[in-house]
Amino acid sequence: MDRSWMNAHRISEEYEKGVSVFLQYVKEKSKSVNRTYFCPCVCCVNQIRQDLGNLHDHLFMFGIMRTYTVWTWHREVLDQPTTSRGTNYVDEWMSDHLEDMIRDVANLYDYLINDSEQPLYPSCSNFTRLSATLKLFSLKARNGWTDKSFTELLELLKEMLPENNTLSICTYEAKNILCPMGLEYQKIQACPNDCVLYIKEFASLNRFKKKSDRNTADEGNYGAPAKVMWYFPIIPRFKCMFSVKEDGKNLKWHVVGRKCDNLFRHPADSPQWKKIDETFPEFGANPRNLRLALATDGMNPYGNLSSKHSSWPVMLMIYNISPLLCMKRKCVMLSMTISGPKQPGNDIDVYLKPLIDDLKLLWEEGVEVFDSDVEQNFHLRAMLFCTINDFPAYGNLSSYSVKGHYACPICEENTSYLQLKHGQKTVYTRHRIFLPRNHSYRRLKKAFNGSAEDEVVSKPRNG
């Protein structure tokens, strides 16, 4: 089929005939959802469904994507390329590989649409296969069910529901239903000594536990991975948030809904927030750009005080939204989990690399995201606004020594300390210097250590 009309002028007769041919093809071949179809105009870019009337108008107002020469989003199948004997093998492989990739993407969305339309059982009107799976996974997450218990629940429900029901029979199958929604995770293997993650150029290195004696020469004699980290990509999750109209509106609250009366109610009222707006005016001008807080600490996942196992979850909070929401459980984003049994210590930066790479991309380049609140695409950027952690974790994240005689990150070489004579421990004194200069506690001697404190606190470094 001739596609040259896609490059023609939008007011030409050739373009008008081409649009008619495309709309006829869509009506006959493409699968509709409530009589709507994916719109390939340069604004909707096959991400938004429109009825045929709006689709026709969009193609004339905005134009069609000129790179969309194979209509895979509208059920067109790529033709098998014919190659001569002299064709390079690499070119043949790339052609076939690209075709498979396009088909896979189209099939994922087809599966997702089919699951959202397929009833849970023939006479069910309340739940589809997708909505039932989402509800059950929500219960699993809220109550901390294991995969084993969740599989047993699915098997029981499968027997209780009428015949020919479409409920998944195991956790693995249920997870596969949700993967096209961008809820997947990456299971990254790591060196047990916290040296490196086995990704990119290190992906081929050996990182398994031996099943038997180390002297065995059998190359395939390997067991489970030595150490594993789970990473939950943040960019697809940000895109999902903006795809919900209410969430897209909430993410602009710090500009649209915040009360500005010089009182400190939200991080947006802080001098740090205003300093960033002044230093990077282009970033601050778009209220949809995200400011994130990172929090991490060690935890014992087994709830056993006798165990020293320490796993480290890394959480992200979005400060664009109101104080009523930003610390709610549903708005706190788990970005990765670093497995134990030992804490990563100062090597935590090795594990943070996938997250740092995504944050650098969001800061330096940004990504295209669709905002359902205003129904348009925009260039999303994000920055790490602050971290929330205790003092030992602060030392790990910043690679600063939080022990010894100069442990204070503000005072540094001016840190006031005492070495206990018998316990040989270091204690830190003269904290009253952080009070205002005219505070009465500064002059008290008897109630404290027998001396007044008139020093001026050191100026904090700006990082």
Protein backbone atom coordinates (compact mmCIF):
# COMPACT_ATOMS: atom_id res chain seq x y z
CA MET A 1 0.00 0.00 0.00
CA ASP A 2 1.34 3.42 -0.97
CA ARG A 3 2.31 5.58 2.03
CA SER A 4 3.72 8.58 0.14
CA TRP A 5 0.65 10.65 1.07
CA MET A 6 1.93 10.82 4.68
CA ASN A 7 4.65 13.27 3.52
CA ALA A 8 2.25 15.39 1.45
CA HIS A 9 0.83 18.74 2.57
CA ARG A 10 -2.21 18.43 4.81
CA ILE A 11 -4.42 20.57 2.55
CA SER A 12 -3.56 18.61 -0.60
CA GLU A 13 -5.93 16.22 -2.32
CA GLU A 14 -3.34 13.43 -2.04
CA TYR A 15 -3.26 13.73 1.76
CA GLU A 16 -7.07 13.80 1.94
CA LYS A 17 -7.36 10.58 -0.07
CA GLY A 18 -4.63 8.96 2.03
CA VAL A 19 -6.46 9.80 5.28
CA SER A 20 -9.64 8.27 3.86
CA VAL A 21 -7.76 5.06 2.97
CA PHE A 22 -6.22 4.96 6.48
CA LEU A 23 -9.57 5.48 8.24
CA GLN A 24 -11.17 2.76 6.11
CA TYR A 25 -8.33 0.40 7.03
CA VAL A 26 -8.72 1.24 10.72
CA LYS A 27 -12.47 0.65 10.59
CA GLU A 28 -12.06 -2.74 8.91
CA LYS A 29 -8.90 -4.15 10.54
CA SER A 30 -8.28 -2.46 13.90
CA LYS A 31 -9.97 -3.56 17.10
CA SER A 32 -12.00 -0.83 18.81
CA VAL A 33 -12.55 -0.19 22.51
CA ASN A 34 -15.88 1.57 22.98
CA ARG A 35 -15.63 2.57 19.30
CA THR A 36 -12.30 4.31 19.82
CA TYR A 37 -8.95 3.64 18.12
CA PHE A 38 -5.33 4.63 18.70
CA CYS A 39 -4.65 8.03 17.11
CA PRO A 40 -1.33 8.28 15.18
CA CYS A 41 -1.24 12.10 15.02
CA VAL A 42 1.91 13.88 16.20
CA CYS A 43 0.21 14.86 19.47
CA CYS A 44 -1.40 11.54 20.45
CA VAL A 45 1.45 9.34 19.04
CA ASN A 46 -0.63 6.16 19.31
CA GLN A 47 -0.98 6.59 23.07
CA ILE A 48 -4.54 8.02 23.18
CA ARG A 49 -7.70 6.51 21.78
CA GLN A 50 -10.12 8.66 19.76
CA ASP A 51 -13.35 7.97 17.92
CA LEU A 52 -13.23 8.07 14.12
CA GLY A 53 -14.47 11.66 13.96
CA ASN A 54 -11.79 13.01 16.31
CA LEU A 55 -9.17 10.80 14.69
CA HIS A 56 -10.04 12.35 11.29
CA ASP A 57 -9.83 15.88 12.73
CA HIS A 58 -6.50 15.22 14.48
CA LEU A 59 -4.87 13.93 11.30
CA PHE A 60 -5.73 17.18 9.53
CA MET A 61 -5.03 19.56 12.44
CA PHE A 62 -1.76 18.05 13.67
CA GLY A 63 -0.66 15.69 10.90
CA ILE A 64 0.25 12.02 11.04
CA MET A 65 3.57 10.71 12.39
CA ARG A 66 5.69 10.40 9.25
CA THR A 67 7.70 7.54 10.73
CA TYR A 68 4.54 5.47 11.24
CA THR A 69 4.75 3.75 7.84
CA VAL A 70 3.83 0.30 9.18
CA TRP A 71 0.50 0.46 11.01
CA THR A 72 1.30 -2.08 13.72
CA TRP A 73 -0.90 -0.27 16.26
CA HIS A 74 -3.84 -0.86 13.93
CA ARG A 75 -3.31 -4.59 13.35
CA GLU A 76 -1.11 -4.38 10.27
CA VAL A 77 1.45 -7.20 10.09
CA LEU A 78 4.92 -6.61 8.70
CA ASP A 79 5.65 -8.39 5.43
CA GLN A 80 8.42 -10.97 5.53
CA PRO A 81 11.44 -9.30 3.89
CA THR A 82 12.95 -11.00 0.86
CA THR A 83 16.72 -11.17 0.90
CA SER A 84 19.21 -12.13 -1.80
CA ARG A 85 22.08 -14.50 -1.31
CA GLY A 86 24.50 -11.63 -1.13
CA THR A 87 22.73 -9.91 1.76
CA ASN A 88 24.83 -9.48 4.87
CA TYR A 89 23.87 -11.85 7.70
CA VAL A 90 23.91 -9.05 10.28
CA ASP A 91 21.44 -7.00 8.20
CA GLU A 92 19.11 -10.01 7.96
CA TRP A 93 19.28 -10.59 11.72
CA MET A 94 18.61 -6.91 12.52
CA SER A 95 15.62 -6.84 10.16
CA ASP A 96 14.07 -9.94 11.71
CA HIS A 97 14.88 -8.78 15.24
CA LEU A 98 13.28 -5.37 14.69
CA GLU A 99 10.16 -7.00 13.30
CA ASP A 100 9.86 -9.25 16.34
CA MET A 101 10.30 -6.30 18.69
CA ILE A 102 7.49 -4.33 17.02
CA ARG A 103 5.21 -7.35 17.09
CA ASP A 104 5.98 -8.01 20.75
CA VAL A 105 5.09 -4.44 21.75
CA ALA A 106 1.84 -4.57 19.80
CA ASN A 107 1.00 -7.98 21.29
CA LEU A 108 1.60 -6.76 24.87
CA TYR A 109 -0.98 -4.02 24.46
CA ASP A 110 -3.36 -6.44 22.77
CA TYR A 111 -3.05 -8.84 25.71
CA LEU A 112 -3.65 -6.00 28.17
CA ILE A 113 -6.76 -4.81 26.31
CA ASN A 114 -8.09 -8.37 26.03
CA ASP A 115 -7.60 -8.98 29.76
CA SER A 116 -9.37 -5.71 30.60
CA GLU A 117 -12.39 -6.74 28.49
CA GLN A 118 -12.55 -10.45 29.32
CA PRO A 119 -15.03 -11.19 32.16
CA LEU A 120 -13.82 -13.26 35.09
CA TYR A 121 -16.41 -15.92 34.21
CA PRO A 122 -19.15 -15.95 31.53
CA SER A 123 -21.95 -14.31 33.55
CA CYS A 124 -19.74 -11.95 35.62
CA SER A 125 -20.39 -8.22 35.15
CA ASN A 126 -18.39 -6.78 38.09
CA PHE A 127 -14.86 -8.08 37.42
CA THR A 128 -12.67 -8.65 34.42
CA ARG A 129 -9.57 -10.82 34.41
CA LEU A 130 -7.35 -7.74 34.77
CA SER A 131 -9.38 -5.98 37.49
CA ALA A 132 -9.65 -9.15 39.60
CA THR A 133 -5.90 -9.70 39.38
CA LEU A 134 -5.23 -6.08 40.40
CA LYS A 135 -7.58 -6.35 43.40
CA LEU A 136 -5.96 -9.57 44.59
CA PHE A 137 -2.43 -8.18 44.19
CA SER A 138 -3.50 -5.11 46.18
CA LEU A 139 -4.59 -7.39 49.04
CA LYS A 140 -1.32 -9.33 48.76
CA ALA A 141 0.74 -6.13 49.05
CA ARG A 142 -1.26 -4.63 51.93
CA ASN A 143 -1.14 -7.79 54.03
CA GLY A 144 2.37 -9.00 53.20
CA TRP A 145 1.36 -12.38 51.74
CA THR A 146 4.12 -14.61 50.43
CA ASP A 147 4.07 -15.88 46.85
CA LYS A 148 3.38 -19.38 48.14
CA SER A 149 0.30 -18.33 50.16
CA PHE A 150 -0.93 -16.19 47.24
CA THR A 151 -0.66 -19.17 44.87
CA GLU A 152 -2.66 -21.32 47.31
CA LEU A 153 -5.34 -18.61 47.48
CA LEU A 154 -5.55 -18.45 43.67
CA GLU A 155 -5.89 -22.23 43.45
CA LEU A 156 -8.72 -22.18 46.01
CA LEU A 157 -10.56 -19.31 44.28
CA LYS A 158 -10.13 -21.07 40.93
CA GLU A 159 -12.02 -24.07 42.34
CA MET A 160 -14.71 -21.94 44.02
CA LEU A 161 -15.55 -19.86 40.94
CA PRO A 162 -17.82 -21.22 38.18
CA GLU A 163 -16.38 -23.31 35.37
CA ASN A 164 -14.58 -21.61 32.47
CA ASN A 165 -13.35 -18.81 34.74
CA THR A 166 -10.23 -16.93 33.62
CA LEU A 167 -8.56 -16.39 37.01
CA SER A 168 -4.82 -17.09 37.11
CA ILE A 169 -3.83 -20.31 38.83
CA CYS A 170 -0.45 -19.19 40.23
CA THR A 171 1.48 -16.05 41.22
CA TYR A 172 3.79 -16.27 38.20
CA GLU A 173 0.87 -16.23 35.76
CA ALA A 174 -0.77 -13.32 37.61
CA LYS A 175 2.45 -11.29 37.47
CA ASN A 176 2.67 -11.84 33.72
CA ILE A 177 -0.73 -10.21 33.33
CA LEU A 178 0.51 -7.04 35.06
CA CYS A 179 3.91 -6.81 33.30
CA PRO A 180 2.60 -4.84 30.26
CA MET A 181 1.40 -2.14 32.70
CA GLY A 182 4.99 -1.21 33.55
CA LEU A 183 4.95 -2.92 36.96
CA GLU A 184 7.89 -5.21 36.20
CA TYR A 185 11.12 -5.33 38.20
CA GLN A 186 14.74 -6.14 37.45
CA LYS A 187 16.49 -8.91 39.35
CA ILE A 188 20.17 -7.90 39.32
CA GLN A 189 22.89 -10.22 40.53
CA ALA A 190 25.71 -8.75 42.62
CA CYS A 191 29.12 -9.69 43.94
CA PRO A 192 28.79 -11.14 47.49
CA ASN A 193 31.62 -8.77 48.53
CA ASP A 194 29.65 -5.71 47.33
CA CYS A 195 32.22 -4.97 44.61
CA VAL A 196 30.09 -4.71 41.48
CA LEU A 197 26.68 -5.36 39.93
CA TYR A 198 26.73 -7.90 37.13
CA ILE A 199 25.12 -5.69 34.51
CA LYS A 200 26.30 -4.12 31.25
CA GLU A 201 29.98 -4.96 30.69
CA PHE A 202 30.07 -7.29 33.76
CA ALA A 203 26.97 -9.32 32.83
CA SER A 204 28.97 -12.37 31.69
CA LEU A 205 31.01 -12.78 34.88
CA ASN A 206 30.56 -15.79 37.19
CA ARG A 207 28.27 -14.96 40.12
CA PHE A 208 26.74 -18.27 41.30
CA LYS A 209 27.20 -20.40 44.39
CA LYS A 210 28.82 -23.75 43.81
CA LYS A 211 26.60 -26.78 44.31
CA SER A 212 29.50 -28.92 45.43
CA ASP A 213 33.16 -28.65 46.29
CA ARG A 214 35.04 -25.68 44.84
CA ASN A 215 37.67 -27.97 43.29
CA THR A 216 35.09 -29.48 40.95
CA ALA A 217 35.99 -28.66 37.38
CA ASP A 218 32.47 -28.99 35.99
CA GLU A 219 31.52 -25.63 34.47
CA GLY A 220 27.78 -26.20 34.83
CA ASN A 221 27.97 -27.16 38.48
CA TYR A 222 26.51 -23.91 39.85
CA GLY A 223 23.63 -23.27 42.22
CA ALA A 224 21.71 -20.14 43.20
CA PRO A 225 23.05 -16.60 42.59
CA ALA A 226 25.55 -15.47 45.21
CA LYS A 227 23.69 -12.22 45.90
CA VAL A 228 20.67 -10.53 44.34
CA MET A 229 19.29 -6.99 44.30
CA TRP A 230 15.80 -6.07 43.10
CA TYR A 231 15.37 -2.81 41.18
CA PHE A 232 11.96 -1.36 40.33
CA PRO A 233 12.44 1.10 37.40
CA ILE A 234 11.13 4.51 38.39
CA ILE A 235 10.53 6.09 34.96
CA PRO A 236 7.66 3.74 33.93
CA ARG A 237 6.05 4.34 37.34
CA PHE A 238 6.22 8.12 36.92
CA LYS A 239 4.56 7.70 33.52
CA CYS A 240 1.81 5.61 35.13
CA MET A 241 1.19 8.33 37.71
CA PHE A 242 0.76 11.03 35.07
CA SER A 243 -1.53 8.73 33.06
CA VAL A 244 -4.12 8.97 35.87
CA LYS A 245 -5.96 12.29 35.68
CA GLU A 246 -6.31 12.77 39.45
CA ASP A 247 -2.65 11.94 40.11
CA GLY A 248 -1.54 14.26 37.31
CA LYS A 249 -3.48 17.06 39.00
CA ASN A 250 -2.05 16.26 42.45
CA LEU A 251 1.52 16.39 41.13
CA LYS A 252 1.06 20.12 40.42
CA TRP A 253 -0.29 20.87 43.91
CA HIS A 254 2.82 22.76 45.09
CA VAL A 255 2.02 25.48 42.52
CA VAL A 256 -1.76 25.23 42.09
CA GLY A 257 -3.06 24.30 45.56
CA ARG A 258 -0.40 25.41 48.06
CA LYS A 259 -1.19 28.32 50.41
CA CYS A 260 1.61 30.90 50.28
CA ASP A 261 1.64 32.88 53.56
CA ASN A 262 5.35 32.67 54.55
CA LEU A 263 4.65 29.78 56.95
CA PHE A 264 6.60 26.52 56.71
CA ARG A 265 3.99 23.85 55.95
CA HIS A 266 5.66 22.01 53.07
CA PRO A 267 9.16 21.60 51.59
CA ALA A 268 8.06 24.02 48.85
CA ASP A 269 8.12 26.75 51.54
CA SER A 270 11.78 26.07 52.35
CA PRO A 271 14.73 28.26 51.30
CA GLN A 272 16.28 25.22 49.60
CA TRP A 273 13.28 24.88 47.25
CA LYS A 274 13.37 28.58 46.38
CA LYS A 275 17.14 28.47 45.87
CA ILE A 276 16.72 25.68 43.32
CA ASP A 277 14.09 27.72 41.47
CA GLU A 278 16.50 30.65 41.30
CA THR A 279 19.53 28.57 40.27
CA PHE A 280 17.67 26.46 37.69
CA PRO A 281 14.78 28.67 36.48
CA GLU A 282 14.05 26.41 33.50
CA PHE A 283 13.52 23.45 35.84
CA GLY A 284 11.42 25.43 38.32
CA ALA A 285 9.21 26.94 35.61
CA ASN A 286 7.46 23.62 34.93
CA PRO A 287 5.33 22.62 37.97
CA ARG A 288 5.23 19.00 36.74
CA ASN A 289 8.97 18.51 37.22
CA LEU A 290 9.44 16.21 40.21
CA ARG A 291 11.44 16.81 43.38
CA LEU A 292 12.22 13.58 45.16
CA ALA A 293 13.38 12.57 48.62
CA LEU A 294 15.37 9.37 49.12
CA ALA A 295 15.21 7.36 52.34
CA THR A 296 16.99 4.14 53.26
CA ASP A 297 17.91 2.15 56.34
CA GLY A 298 18.60 -1.42 57.36
CA MET A 299 15.80 -3.75 58.46
CA ASN A 300 15.48 -7.34 59.60
CA PRO A 301 12.86 -8.93 57.30
CA TYR A 302 12.45 -11.95 59.61
CA GLY A 303 11.37 -10.07 62.74
CA ASN A 304 13.83 -12.06 64.83
CA LEU A 305 15.94 -10.01 67.23
CA SER A 306 18.52 -12.78 67.51
CA SER A 307 19.25 -12.55 63.77
CA LYS A 308 21.73 -10.01 62.41
CA HIS A 309 20.34 -10.16 58.89
CA SER A 310 20.11 -6.66 57.39
CA SER A 311 18.24 -5.87 54.16
CA TRP A 312 18.12 -2.29 52.86
CA PRO A 313 15.01 -0.96 51.08
CA VAL A 314 15.48 2.34 49.20
CA MET A 315 12.35 4.50 49.14
CA LEU A 316 11.44 7.58 47.09
CA MET A 317 8.94 10.24 48.12
CA ILE A 318 7.51 12.86 45.75
CA TYR A 319 7.37 16.34 47.29
CA ASN A 320 5.23 17.88 44.53
CA ILE A 321 2.06 16.64 46.22
CA SER A 322 0.35 17.89 49.38
CA PRO A 323 1.54 16.97 52.91
CA LEU A 324 -1.61 14.87 53.34
CA LEU A 325 -0.45 12.57 50.53
CA CYS A 326 3.34 12.68 50.19
CA MET A 327 3.97 10.39 53.19
CA LYS A 328 0.98 8.09 52.63
CA ARG A 329 1.87 4.50 51.93
CA LYS A 330 0.42 4.56 48.42
CA CYS A 331 2.61 7.55 47.49
CA VAL A 332 5.89 6.19 48.88
CA MET A 333 7.72 4.40 46.07
CA LEU A 334 9.97 1.40 46.70
CA SER A 335 12.76 1.82 44.15
CA MET A 336 15.05 -1.06 45.15
CA THR A 337 15.77 -3.68 47.78
CA ILE A 338 19.35 -4.59 48.69
CA SER A 339 19.46 -8.09 50.14
CA GLY A 340 21.51 -9.10 53.19
CA PRO A 341 22.72 -10.74 55.27
CA LYS A 342 25.27 -7.94 55.72
CA GLN A 343 24.58 -4.25 55.33
CA PRO A 344 26.21 -2.70 52.23
CA GLY A 345 27.96 0.02 54.28
CA ASN A 346 29.98 2.49 52.20
CA ASP A 347 29.56 0.22 49.16
CA ILE A 348 25.89 1.18 48.92
CA ASP A 349 26.79 3.39 45.93
CA VAL A 350 27.46 0.18 43.94
CA TYR A 351 23.84 -0.89 44.44
CA LEU A 352 22.42 2.58 43.82
CA LYS A 353 23.90 2.72 40.31
CA PRO A 354 20.69 1.74 38.38
CA LEU A 355 18.70 4.32 40.35
CA ILE A 356 21.38 6.99 39.88
CA ASP A 357 21.45 6.32 36.12
CA ASP A 358 17.68 6.88 35.91
CA LEU A 359 17.90 10.02 38.06
CA LYS A 360 20.72 11.40 35.88
CA LEU A 361 18.62 10.76 32.77
CA LEU A 362 15.64 12.54 34.34
CA TRP A 363 17.81 15.51 35.35
CA GLU A 364 20.03 15.95 32.29
CA GLU A 365 17.74 14.95 29.42
CA GLY A 366 14.26 14.15 30.71
CA VAL A 367 11.67 11.82 29.15
CA GLU A 368 8.49 12.33 27.16
CA VAL A 369 5.40 11.73 29.33
CA PHE A 370 1.68 12.09 28.65
CA ASP A 371 -0.21 14.20 31.23
CA SER A 372 -3.82 12.98 31.28
CA ASP A 373 -4.90 16.01 33.36
CA VAL A 374 -4.35 18.42 30.43
CA GLU A 375 -4.22 15.68 27.73
CA GLN A 376 -0.88 16.58 26.24
CA ASN A 377 2.71 15.33 26.17
CA PHE A 378 5.44 17.16 28.04
CA HIS A 379 9.13 16.75 28.84
CA LEU A 380 9.43 15.39 32.40
CA ARG A 381 12.52 16.11 34.48
CA ALA A 382 13.25 15.23 38.11
CA MET A 383 15.85 15.92 40.77
CA LEU A 384 16.86 14.44 44.13
CA PHE A 385 15.80 17.17 46.55
CA CYS A 386 16.99 15.66 49.86
CA THR A 387 17.66 12.42 51.74
CA ILE A 388 16.02 11.14 54.93
CA ASN A 389 18.14 8.83 57.10
CA ASP A 390 19.74 8.35 60.48
CA PHE A 391 23.34 9.36 61.15
CA PRO A 392 25.05 6.01 60.27
CA ALA A 393 23.08 5.75 57.02
CA TYR A 394 23.95 9.38 56.31
CA GLY A 395 27.62 8.43 56.51
CA ASN A 396 27.11 5.55 54.05
CA LEU A 397 25.19 7.64 51.52
CA SER A 398 27.55 10.62 51.62
CA SER A 399 30.81 8.64 52.15
CA TYR A 400 31.49 10.84 55.19
CA SER A 401 33.04 9.47 58.37
CA VAL A 402 30.49 9.73 61.17
CA LYS A 403 32.81 8.25 63.81
CA GLY A 404 35.90 9.50 65.56
CA HIS A 405 36.92 12.94 66.78
CA TYR A 406 35.61 14.91 63.78
CA ALA A 407 32.29 13.20 63.21
CA CYS A 408 30.12 16.34 62.95
CA PRO A 409 29.58 17.17 59.23
CA ILE A 410 29.03 20.86 60.09
CA CYS A 411 31.81 21.54 62.61
CA GLU A 412 34.33 19.10 61.06
CA GLU A 413 37.80 20.02 62.44
CA ASN A 414 36.13 22.32 65.01
CA THR A 415 34.12 19.46 66.51
CA SER A 416 34.17 19.56 70.32
CA TYR A 417 34.83 16.12 71.80
CA LEU A 418 36.03 14.38 74.95
CA GLN A 419 37.72 11.01 75.27
CA LEU A 420 36.36 9.16 78.30
CA LYS A 421 39.17 8.09 80.59
CA HIS A 422 37.91 4.65 81.55
CA GLY A 423 35.45 3.75 78.78
CA GLN A 424 37.74 4.99 75.99
CA LYS A 425 34.70 6.26 74.11
CA THR A 426 34.33 9.58 72.33
CA VAL A 427 31.55 11.89 73.47
CA TYR A 428 30.60 15.19 71.85
CA THR A 429 30.01 18.36 73.86
CA ARG A 430 29.20 22.06 73.58
CA HIS A 431 25.93 21.70 71.66
CA ARG A 432 24.61 25.01 73.01
CA ILE A 433 26.51 26.87 70.29
CA PHE A 434 23.70 25.92 67.90
CA LEU A 435 21.24 28.02 69.93
CA PRO A 436 20.63 31.73 69.11
CA ARG A 437 23.40 34.07 70.35
CA ASN A 438 21.18 35.68 73.01
CA HIS A 439 19.71 32.41 74.34
CA SER A 440 19.82 32.14 78.15
CA TYR A 441 21.10 28.54 78.09
CA ARG A 442 24.38 29.72 76.55
CA ARG A 443 25.27 31.55 79.79
CA LEU A 444 24.28 28.80 82.20
CA LYS A 445 27.29 27.07 83.78
CA LYS A 446 26.17 25.04 86.77
CA ALA A 447 23.32 23.30 84.93
CA PHE A 448 25.72 22.05 82.24
CA ASN A 449 29.49 21.50 82.26
CA GLY A 450 30.59 24.50 84.32
CA SER A 451 31.34 26.86 81.43
CA ALA A 452 29.46 29.24 79.16
CA GLU A 453 29.37 28.74 75.40
CA ASP A 454 29.85 31.93 73.37
CA GLU A 455 31.31 30.41 70.18
CA VAL A 456 29.79 30.95 66.75
CA VAL A 457 28.67 27.80 64.94
CA SER A 458 30.55 26.91 61.76
CA LYS A 459 28.88 27.71 58.46
CA PRO A 460 27.47 24.52 56.86
CA ARG A 461 28.95 23.52 53.52
CA ASN A 462 26.64 23.62 50.53
CA GLY A 463 27.65 20.25 49.11
